[in-house]
Amino acid sequence: MKRFISIMFFMCMLVSLQAQEIYTVKNIPKVHLQDKTRYVCNPAGILSAPACDEMDRMLYALEQQTGIETVVAAVPSIGSEDCFDFAHRLLNEWGVGKKEKNNGLVILLVTDQRCIQFYTGYGLEGDLPDAICKRIQTRDMIPYLKDGNWDAGMTAGIRAVCARLDGSMENDTEEEEDLSATGIFLLCFGIIGIGLFTVILAMRAATKCPNCGQHKLQRSGSKLVSRRNGVRTEDVTYTCRNCGHKVVRRQQSYDENYRGG
C-alpha cells in the first residue's frame, strides 16, 4: 500500500512538472519552420484549435498581401527569463521576417507572468511603432487576457495587428490626437531650444576677447553718442580681465526716458 501511495505521489508530481514545463528558445516547437502556413506555436494547448486556425488564416493572408511574417507563441512559462529578451531571441532564432527587409514580428504570451510582448524587426518599426503596439495590447487584448480568456484576447490582438499592417484599419482618432499633441509639443520644445542655444552662443561671442581668446570681456564704461526718437546710441567699452585688452562696441538700446516729440 505504501509503495502504491509513493508511486501515485510520484506520478502526481510528474504531471504537475509537465503542466508547468518551462520553455526556452531551444525547446519551443518551431511550427512555422515546419509548416509555412502555420504561424501559432501553442505547445501547451493554452489556445484552442479554432483560435489557432483563425489566427493562422489571418497571418497567412497578411504575409501574402504585405510580405510581413509574424509568429505567435503562447506558453505557460519561460522561467525567470524576461519576455522582451525571449521574444527578441525567438525572432533571431527562427529567422522571422524577410532577411533583406527585416520585417518580422513576434507576439509572445506567457501566462504565468501575465505577459503579452510584441517584438518587431527594424524594418517594421515605422509601420508598427511601440505606441501602436501598446495601444493594441491595452485596448484589444488585455480586457480579455486579464480574465484568462486567451483565445479572445489573442485573436482580437492579431486582428488589430493585421488591420494596422494591411492598411484596412480605419483612421484612429485617438492616434491622430496623440500625434498632433506630440507634434505641437516637439515644435514648441524645438523653438525654445533653438532660442536658448542662439542666446547662449551670442553671450559667449560677446564675452570673447579678440586678443587672448578668453571669455573674459567685461563692460567697463560707456559714452553717449546720440539720443533720437527713443533710441539711445552708445560706445560701450569692454575690458578683458585676463589680458587687459579694450574693445569698443557701438550699441543701441531703447531709451526708457523717451516720451515722444
C-alpha atoms as a PDB file:
ATOM      1  CA  MET A   1       0.000   0.000   0.000  1.00  0.00           C
ATOM      2  CA  LYS A   2       2.805   2.408   0.907  1.00  0.00           C
ATOM      3  CA  ARG A   3       4.533   1.608  -2.389  1.00  0.00           C
ATOM      4  CA  PHE A   4       1.306   2.344  -4.274  1.00  0.00           C
ATOM      5  CA  ILE A   5       0.938   5.690  -2.484  1.00  0.00           C
ATOM      6  CA  SER A   6       4.563   6.552  -3.286  1.00  0.00           C
ATOM      7  CA  ILE A   7       4.046   5.725  -6.963  1.00  0.00           C
ATOM      8  CA  MET A   8       0.849   7.812  -7.090  1.00  0.00           C
ATOM      9  CA  PHE A   9       2.632  10.746  -5.410  1.00  0.00           C
ATOM     10  CA  PHE A  10       5.482  10.480  -7.932  1.00  0.00           C
ATOM     11  CA  MET A  11       3.012  10.393 -10.830  1.00  0.00           C
ATOM     12  CA  CYS A  12       1.184  13.466  -9.493  1.00  0.00           C
ATOM     13  CA  MET A  13       4.470  15.327  -9.176  1.00  0.00           C
ATOM     14  CA  LEU A  14       5.428  14.314 -12.721  1.00  0.00           C
ATOM     15  CA  VAL A  15       2.105  15.526 -14.129  1.00  0.00           C
ATOM     16  CA  SER A  16       2.478  18.802 -12.213  1.00  0.00           C
ATOM     17  CA  LEU A  17       6.007  19.346 -13.567  1.00  0.00           C
ATOM     18  CA  GLN A  18       4.868  18.594 -17.115  1.00  0.00           C
ATOM     19  CA  ALA A  19       1.987  21.046 -16.743  1.00  0.00           C
ATOM     20  CA  GLN A  20       4.468  23.726 -15.671  1.00  0.00           C
ATOM     21  CA  GLU A  21       7.114  22.918 -18.268  1.00  0.00           C
ATOM     22  CA  ILE A  22       9.487  25.810 -18.787  1.00  0.00           C
ATOM     23  CA  TYR A  23      10.004  26.674 -22.441  1.00  0.00           C
ATOM     24  CA  THR A  24      13.218  28.028 -23.882  1.00  0.00           C
ATOM     25  CA  VAL A  25      14.146  29.330 -27.303  1.00  0.00           C
ATOM     26  CA  LYS A  26      15.782  25.949 -27.946  1.00  0.00           C
ATOM     27  CA  ASN A  27      12.951  23.610 -26.931  1.00  0.00           C
ATOM     28  CA  ILE A  28       9.916  25.567 -28.129  1.00  0.00           C
ATOM     29  CA  PRO A  29       8.465  23.901 -31.283  1.00  0.00           C
ATOM     30  CA  LYS A  30       9.361  25.753 -34.479  1.00  0.00           C
ATOM     31  CA  VAL A  31       5.980  25.298 -36.118  1.00  0.00           C
ATOM     32  CA  HIS A  32       6.417  27.915 -38.856  1.00  0.00           C
ATOM     33  CA  LEU A  33       9.700  26.399 -39.993  1.00  0.00           C
ATOM     34  CA  GLN A  34       7.960  23.018 -40.298  1.00  0.00           C
ATOM     35  CA  ASP A  35       4.798  24.317 -41.992  1.00  0.00           C
ATOM     36  CA  LYS A  36       4.791  27.765 -43.679  1.00  0.00           C
ATOM     37  CA  THR A  37       1.002  28.024 -43.316  1.00  0.00           C
ATOM     38  CA  ARG A  38       1.179  27.781 -39.514  1.00  0.00           C
ATOM     39  CA  TYR A  39       2.111  30.855 -37.505  1.00  0.00           C
ATOM     40  CA  VAL A  40       0.904  29.981 -33.997  1.00  0.00           C
ATOM     41  CA  CYS A  41       3.111  27.978 -31.647  1.00  0.00           C
ATOM     42  CA  ASN A  42       0.862  26.550 -28.921  1.00  0.00           C
ATOM     43  CA  PRO A  43       2.727  23.589 -27.395  1.00  0.00           C
ATOM     44  CA  ALA A  44       0.854  23.512 -24.077  1.00  0.00           C
ATOM     45  CA  GLY A  45      -2.633  23.910 -25.568  1.00  0.00           C
ATOM     46  CA  ILE A  46      -3.263  27.309 -23.982  1.00  0.00           C
ATOM     47  CA  LEU A  47      -5.157  28.364 -27.103  1.00  0.00           C
ATOM     48  CA  SER A  48      -7.945  26.334 -28.653  1.00  0.00           C
ATOM     49  CA  ALA A  49      -7.567  24.745 -32.085  1.00  0.00           C
ATOM     50  CA  PRO A  50     -10.254  27.008 -33.679  1.00  0.00           C
ATOM     51  CA  ALA A  51      -8.492  30.124 -32.319  1.00  0.00           C
ATOM     52  CA  CYS A  52      -5.131  28.940 -33.693  1.00  0.00           C
ATOM     53  CA  ASP A  53      -6.712  28.189 -37.077  1.00  0.00           C
ATOM     54  CA  GLU A  54      -8.286  31.654 -37.243  1.00  0.00           C
ATOM     55  CA  MET A  55      -5.015  33.382 -36.382  1.00  0.00           C
ATOM     56  CA  ASP A  56      -3.129  31.221 -38.890  1.00  0.00           C
ATOM     57  CA  ARG A  57      -5.564  32.284 -41.627  1.00  0.00           C
ATOM     58  CA  MET A  58      -5.222  35.990 -40.772  1.00  0.00           C
ATOM     59  CA  LEU A  59      -1.424  35.879 -40.613  1.00  0.00           C
ATOM     60  CA  TYR A  60      -1.161  33.861 -43.828  1.00  0.00           C
ATOM     61  CA  ALA A  61      -3.307  36.467 -45.625  1.00  0.00           C
ATOM     62  CA  LEU A  62      -1.172  39.238 -44.126  1.00  0.00           C
ATOM     63  CA  GLU A  63       2.052  37.684 -45.398  1.00  0.00           C
ATOM     64  CA  GLN A  64       0.592  37.076 -48.855  1.00  0.00           C
ATOM     65  CA  GLN A  65      -0.549  40.699 -49.091  1.00  0.00           C
ATOM     66  CA  THR A  66       2.361  42.542 -47.465  1.00  0.00           C
ATOM     67  CA  GLY A  67       5.266  40.104 -47.145  1.00  0.00           C
ATOM     68  CA  ILE A  68       5.265  40.639 -43.355  1.00  0.00           C
ATOM     69  CA  GLU A  69       5.943  37.442 -41.428  1.00  0.00           C
ATOM     70  CA  THR A  70       4.501  37.046 -37.938  1.00  0.00           C
ATOM     71  CA  VAL A  71       4.956  34.296 -35.363  1.00  0.00           C
ATOM     72  CA  VAL A  72       2.751  33.888 -32.297  1.00  0.00           C
ATOM     73  CA  ALA A  73       3.951  31.863 -29.302  1.00  0.00           C
ATOM     74  CA  ALA A  74       1.724  31.032 -26.314  1.00  0.00           C
ATOM     75  CA  VAL A  75       3.448  29.188 -23.462  1.00  0.00           C
ATOM     76  CA  PRO A  76       2.726  28.712 -19.749  1.00  0.00           C
ATOM     77  CA  SER A  77       6.221  29.627 -18.537  1.00  0.00           C
ATOM     78  CA  ILE A  78       9.682  30.759 -19.621  1.00  0.00           C
ATOM     79  CA  GLY A  79      11.056  30.516 -16.100  1.00  0.00           C
ATOM     80  CA  SER A  80      12.749  33.645 -14.861  1.00  0.00           C
ATOM     81  CA  GLU A  81      13.546  34.917 -18.366  1.00  0.00           C
ATOM     82  CA  ASP A  82      12.431  38.370 -19.455  1.00  0.00           C
ATOM     83  CA  CYS A  83       9.615  38.385 -22.035  1.00  0.00           C
ATOM     84  CA  PHE A  84      11.271  41.085 -24.155  1.00  0.00           C
ATOM     85  CA  ASP A  85      14.601  39.236 -24.334  1.00  0.00           C
ATOM     86  CA  PHE A  86      12.852  35.928 -25.042  1.00  0.00           C
ATOM     87  CA  ALA A  87      10.831  37.419 -27.928  1.00  0.00           C
ATOM     88  CA  HIS A  88      13.966  39.088 -29.313  1.00  0.00           C
ATOM     89  CA  ARG A  89      15.920  35.815 -29.311  1.00  0.00           C
ATOM     90  CA  LEU A  90      12.934  33.938 -30.725  1.00  0.00           C
ATOM     91  CA  LEU A  91      12.802  36.299 -33.709  1.00  0.00           C
ATOM     92  CA  ASN A  92      16.517  35.773 -34.374  1.00  0.00           C
ATOM     93  CA  GLU A  93      16.487  32.019 -33.730  1.00  0.00           C
ATOM     94  CA  TRP A  94      13.575  31.396 -36.080  1.00  0.00           C
ATOM     95  CA  GLY A  95      14.654  33.998 -38.625  1.00  0.00           C
ATOM     96  CA  VAL A  96      11.219  35.623 -38.629  1.00  0.00           C
ATOM     97  CA  GLY A  97      10.783  38.109 -41.473  1.00  0.00           C
ATOM     98  CA  LYS A  98      12.436  38.637 -44.829  1.00  0.00           C
ATOM     99  CA  LYS A  99      16.187  38.962 -44.369  1.00  0.00           C
ATOM    100  CA  GLU A 100      16.591  41.897 -46.748  1.00  0.00           C
ATOM    101  CA  LYS A 101      13.682  43.797 -45.166  1.00  0.00           C
ATOM    102  CA  ASN A 102      13.972  42.706 -41.506  1.00  0.00           C
ATOM    103  CA  ASN A 103      10.172  42.901 -41.294  1.00  0.00           C
ATOM    104  CA  GLY A 104       9.402  40.101 -38.849  1.00  0.00           C
ATOM    105  CA  LEU A 105       7.075  40.272 -35.857  1.00  0.00           C
ATOM    106  CA  VAL A 106       6.924  38.039 -32.780  1.00  0.00           C
ATOM    107  CA  ILE A 107       3.939  38.128 -30.420  1.00  0.00           C
ATOM    108  CA  LEU A 108       4.601  36.268 -27.185  1.00  0.00           C
ATOM    109  CA  LEU A 109       2.094  35.268 -24.485  1.00  0.00           C
ATOM    110  CA  VAL A 110       3.451  33.892 -21.194  1.00  0.00           C
ATOM    111  CA  THR A 111       0.579  33.020 -18.889  1.00  0.00           C
ATOM    112  CA  ASP A 112       2.402  32.622 -15.563  1.00  0.00           C
ATOM    113  CA  GLN A 113       3.949  36.097 -15.963  1.00  0.00           C
ATOM    114  CA  ARG A 114       0.684  37.524 -17.353  1.00  0.00           C
ATOM    115  CA  CYS A 115       2.889  38.933 -20.101  1.00  0.00           C
ATOM    116  CA  ILE A 116       1.999  39.884 -23.671  1.00  0.00           C
ATOM    117  CA  GLN A 117       5.062  41.054 -25.627  1.00  0.00           C
ATOM    118  CA  PHE A 118       5.392  42.400 -29.179  1.00  0.00           C
ATOM    119  CA  TYR A 119       8.833  42.402 -30.796  1.00  0.00           C
ATOM    120  CA  THR A 120       9.314  43.886 -34.276  1.00  0.00           C
ATOM    121  CA  GLY A 121      12.219  43.762 -36.683  1.00  0.00           C
ATOM    122  CA  TYR A 122      13.838  47.088 -37.560  1.00  0.00           C
ATOM    123  CA  GLY A 123      12.067  47.201 -40.922  1.00  0.00           C
ATOM    124  CA  LEU A 124       8.668  47.107 -39.235  1.00  0.00           C
ATOM    125  CA  GLU A 125       9.162  49.752 -36.548  1.00  0.00           C
ATOM    126  CA  GLY A 126       7.774  52.550 -38.733  1.00  0.00           C
ATOM    127  CA  ASP A 127       4.550  50.647 -39.512  1.00  0.00           C
ATOM    128  CA  LEU A 128       4.103  49.226 -36.026  1.00  0.00           C
ATOM    129  CA  PRO A 129       5.789  51.560 -33.508  1.00  0.00           C
ATOM    130  CA  ASP A 130       5.828  50.866 -29.781  1.00  0.00           C
ATOM    131  CA  ALA A 131       2.957  53.285 -29.128  1.00  0.00           C
ATOM    132  CA  ILE A 132       0.673  51.375 -31.510  1.00  0.00           C
ATOM    133  CA  CYS A 133       1.709  48.002 -30.061  1.00  0.00           C
ATOM    134  CA  LYS A 134       0.902  49.303 -26.590  1.00  0.00           C
ATOM    135  CA  ARG A 135      -2.471  50.604 -27.737  1.00  0.00           C
ATOM    136  CA  ILE A 136      -3.407  47.290 -29.347  1.00  0.00           C
ATOM    137  CA  GLN A 137      -2.433  45.434 -26.179  1.00  0.00           C
ATOM    138  CA  THR A 138      -4.314  47.819 -23.876  1.00  0.00           C
ATOM    139  CA  ARG A 139      -7.418  48.312 -25.981  1.00  0.00           C
ATOM    140  CA  ASP A 140      -7.887  44.997 -27.804  1.00  0.00           C
ATOM    141  CA  MET A 141      -6.125  42.286 -25.803  1.00  0.00           C
ATOM    142  CA  ILE A 142      -5.750  42.957 -22.081  1.00  0.00           C
ATOM    143  CA  PRO A 143      -9.513  43.258 -21.358  1.00  0.00           C
ATOM    144  CA  TYR A 144      -9.766  39.567 -22.343  1.00  0.00           C
ATOM    145  CA  LEU A 145      -6.364  38.354 -21.158  1.00  0.00           C
ATOM    146  CA  LYS A 146      -6.785  39.663 -17.609  1.00  0.00           C
ATOM    147  CA  ASP A 147      -9.798  37.316 -17.263  1.00  0.00           C
ATOM    148  CA  GLY A 148      -7.848  34.360 -18.670  1.00  0.00           C
ATOM    149  CA  ASN A 149      -9.751  34.424 -21.972  1.00  0.00           C
ATOM    150  CA  TRP A 150      -6.616  33.698 -24.004  1.00  0.00           C
ATOM    151  CA  ASP A 151      -8.487  32.837 -27.221  1.00  0.00           C
ATOM    152  CA  ALA A 152     -10.450  36.097 -27.426  1.00  0.00           C
ATOM    153  CA  GLY A 153      -7.524  38.277 -26.356  1.00  0.00           C
ATOM    154  CA  MET A 154      -5.004  36.824 -28.794  1.00  0.00           C
ATOM    155  CA  THR A 155      -7.460  36.687 -31.691  1.00  0.00           C
ATOM    156  CA  ALA A 156      -8.507  40.311 -31.150  1.00  0.00           C
ATOM    157  CA  GLY A 157      -4.865  41.394 -30.979  1.00  0.00           C
ATOM    158  CA  ILE A 158      -3.893  39.574 -34.170  1.00  0.00           C
ATOM    159  CA  ARG A 159      -6.909  41.030 -35.965  1.00  0.00           C
ATOM    160  CA  ALA A 160      -5.908  44.569 -34.915  1.00  0.00           C
ATOM    161  CA  VAL A 161      -2.273  43.997 -35.946  1.00  0.00           C
ATOM    162  CA  CYS A 162      -3.322  42.715 -39.373  1.00  0.00           C
ATOM    163  CA  ALA A 163      -5.677  45.655 -39.885  1.00  0.00           C
ATOM    164  CA  ARG A 164      -2.862  48.037 -38.989  1.00  0.00           C
ATOM    165  CA  LEU A 165      -0.312  46.428 -41.305  1.00  0.00           C
ATOM    166  CA  ASP A 166      -2.509  45.693 -44.336  1.00  0.00           C
ATOM    167  CA  GLY A 167      -3.971  49.214 -44.352  1.00  0.00           C
ATOM    168  CA  SER A 168      -7.570  48.188 -43.637  1.00  0.00           C
ATOM    169  CA  MET A 169      -7.694  49.879 -40.229  1.00  0.00           C
ATOM    170  CA  GLU A 170      -9.873  52.978 -40.230  1.00  0.00           C
ATOM    171  CA  ASN A 171      -8.314  56.269 -39.142  1.00  0.00           C
ATOM    172  CA  ASP A 172      -7.618  56.115 -35.453  1.00  0.00           C
ATOM    173  CA  THR A 173      -8.850  59.395 -33.933  1.00  0.00           C
ATOM    174  CA  GLU A 174      -7.039  58.702 -30.681  1.00  0.00           C
ATOM    175  CA  GLU A 175      -3.795  58.115 -32.558  1.00  0.00           C
ATOM    176  CA  GLU A 176      -4.196  61.286 -34.613  1.00  0.00           C
ATOM    177  CA  GLU A 177      -4.824  63.322 -31.459  1.00  0.00           C
ATOM    178  CA  ASP A 178      -1.769  61.810 -29.789  1.00  0.00           C
ATOM    179  CA  LEU A 179       0.394  62.521 -32.818  1.00  0.00           C
ATOM    180  CA  SER A 180      -0.917  66.106 -33.070  1.00  0.00           C
ATOM    181  CA  ALA A 181      -0.251  66.765 -29.390  1.00  0.00           C
ATOM    182  CA  THR A 182       3.196  65.214 -29.698  1.00  0.00           C
ATOM    183  CA  GLY A 183       3.949  67.287 -32.792  1.00  0.00           C
ATOM    184  CA  ILE A 184       2.926  70.527 -31.093  1.00  0.00           C
ATOM    185  CA  PHE A 185       4.993  69.682 -28.016  1.00  0.00           C
ATOM    186  CA  LEU A 186       8.064  68.838 -30.094  1.00  0.00           C
ATOM    187  CA  LEU A 187       7.651  72.021 -32.160  1.00  0.00           C
ATOM    188  CA  CYS A 188       7.431  74.230 -29.052  1.00  0.00           C
ATOM    189  CA  PHE A 189      10.321  72.404 -27.410  1.00  0.00           C
ATOM    190  CA  GLY A 190      12.391  72.804 -30.576  1.00  0.00           C
ATOM    191  CA  ILE A 191      11.700  76.536 -30.869  1.00  0.00           C
ATOM    192  CA  ILE A 192      12.575  77.125 -27.204  1.00  0.00           C
ATOM    193  CA  GLY A 193      15.693  75.004 -27.527  1.00  0.00           C
ATOM    194  CA  ILE A 194      16.892  76.844 -30.636  1.00  0.00           C
ATOM    195  CA  GLY A 195      16.212  80.203 -28.963  1.00  0.00           C
ATOM    196  CA  LEU A 196      18.185  79.272 -25.850  1.00  0.00           C
ATOM    197  CA  PHE A 197      21.027  77.886 -27.931  1.00  0.00           C
ATOM    198  CA  THR A 198      21.179  81.087 -30.001  1.00  0.00           C
ATOM    199  CA  VAL A 199      21.196  83.273 -26.861  1.00  0.00           C
ATOM    200  CA  ILE A 200      23.989  81.210 -25.293  1.00  0.00           C
ATOM    201  CA  LEU A 201      26.098  81.448 -28.456  1.00  0.00           C
ATOM    202  CA  ALA A 202      25.560  85.209 -28.634  1.00  0.00           C
ATOM    203  CA  MET A 203      26.520  85.663 -24.991  1.00  0.00           C
ATOM    204  CA  ARG A 204      29.677  83.622 -25.404  1.00  0.00           C
ATOM    205  CA  ALA A 205      30.640  85.538 -28.541  1.00  0.00           C
ATOM    206  CA  ALA A 206      30.090  88.873 -26.759  1.00  0.00           C
ATOM    207  CA  THR A 207      32.442  87.965 -23.905  1.00  0.00           C
ATOM    208  CA  LYS A 208      35.284  86.559 -26.047  1.00  0.00           C
ATOM    209  CA  CYS A 209      38.445  88.704 -26.117  1.00  0.00           C
ATOM    210  CA  PRO A 210      39.808  89.154 -29.677  1.00  0.00           C
ATOM    211  CA  ASN A 211      43.335  89.432 -28.272  1.00  0.00           C
ATOM    212  CA  CYS A 212      43.729  86.396 -25.993  1.00  0.00           C
ATOM    213  CA  GLY A 213      40.648  84.375 -26.948  1.00  0.00           C
ATOM    214  CA  GLN A 214      39.389  84.068 -23.370  1.00  0.00           C
ATOM    215  CA  HIS A 215      35.763  84.744 -22.466  1.00  0.00           C
ATOM    216  CA  LYS A 216      36.760  87.483 -20.026  1.00  0.00           C
ATOM    217  CA  LEU A 217      35.367  90.689 -21.578  1.00  0.00           C
ATOM    218  CA  GLN A 218      33.501  92.823 -19.070  1.00  0.00           C
ATOM    219  CA  ARG A 219      31.791  96.166 -19.546  1.00  0.00           C
ATOM    220  CA  SER A 220      33.968  98.903 -18.057  1.00  0.00           C
ATOM    221  CA  GLY A 221      32.480 102.147 -19.403  1.00  0.00           C
ATOM    222  CA  SER A 222      30.280 103.883 -21.979  1.00  0.00           C
ATOM    223  CA  LYS A 223      29.988 107.153 -23.900  1.00  0.00           C
ATOM    224  CA  LEU A 224      26.688 108.551 -25.145  1.00  0.00           C
ATOM    225  CA  VAL A 225      26.759 109.219 -28.893  1.00  0.00           C
ATOM    226  CA  SER A 226      23.178 110.267 -29.601  1.00  0.00           C
ATOM    227  CA  ARG A 227      19.611 110.043 -28.410  1.00  0.00           C
ATOM    228  CA  ARG A 228      16.985 110.234 -31.144  1.00  0.00           C
ATOM    229  CA  ASN A 229      13.358 109.176 -31.323  1.00  0.00           C
ATOM    230  CA  GLY A 230      13.611 106.988 -28.267  1.00  0.00           C
ATOM    231  CA  VAL A 231      16.790 105.207 -29.424  1.00  0.00           C
ATOM    232  CA  ARG A 232      19.916 105.616 -27.331  1.00  0.00           C
ATOM    233  CA  THR A 233      23.276 105.106 -29.116  1.00  0.00           C
ATOM    234  CA  GLU A 234      26.383 104.491 -27.047  1.00  0.00           C
ATOM    235  CA  ASP A 235      30.017 103.483 -27.489  1.00  0.00           C
ATOM    236  CA  VAL A 236      30.482 100.815 -24.817  1.00  0.00           C
ATOM    237  CA  THR A 237      33.978  99.880 -23.658  1.00  0.00           C
ATOM    238  CA  TYR A 238      34.736  96.282 -22.623  1.00  0.00           C
ATOM    239  CA  THR A 239      37.957  95.329 -20.853  1.00  0.00           C
ATOM    240  CA  CYS A 240      39.402  91.832 -20.782  1.00  0.00           C
ATOM    241  CA  ARG A 241      40.004  90.631 -17.222  1.00  0.00           C
ATOM    242  CA  ASN A 242      42.680  88.270 -18.494  1.00  0.00           C
ATOM    243  CA  CYS A 243      44.961  90.465 -20.663  1.00  0.00           C
ATOM    244  CA  GLY A 244      43.566  93.993 -20.170  1.00  0.00           C
ATOM    245  CA  HIS A 245      42.726  94.444 -23.870  1.00  0.00           C
ATOM    246  CA  LYS A 246      39.959  97.000 -24.521  1.00  0.00           C
ATOM    247  CA  VAL A 247      37.178  96.708 -27.096  1.00  0.00           C
ATOM    248  CA  VAL A 248      34.741  99.497 -28.014  1.00  0.00           C
ATOM    249  CA  ARG A 249      31.362  98.487 -29.437  1.00  0.00           C
ATOM    250  CA  ARG A 250      28.622 100.798 -30.642  1.00  0.00           C
ATOM    251  CA  GLN A 251      25.293  99.684 -29.261  1.00  0.00           C
ATOM    252  CA  GLN A 252      21.742 100.915 -29.462  1.00  0.00           C
ATOM    253  CA  SER A 253      19.008 100.460 -26.896  1.00  0.00           C
ATOM    254  CA  TYR A 254      15.536 101.726 -26.105  1.00  0.00           C
ATOM    255  CA  ASP A 255      15.605 104.990 -24.146  1.00  0.00           C
ATOM    256  CA  GLU A 256      13.290 104.459 -21.165  1.00  0.00           C
ATOM    257  CA  ASN A 257      13.109 108.231 -20.557  1.00  0.00           C
ATOM    258  CA  TYR A 258      11.807 108.948 -24.071  1.00  0.00           C
ATOM    259  CA  ARG A 259       8.237 110.231 -24.108  1.00  0.00           C
ATOM    260  CA  GLY A 260       7.908 111.246 -27.745  1.00  0.00           C
ATOM    261  CA  GLY A 261       8.440 114.603 -29.513  1.00  0.00           C
END
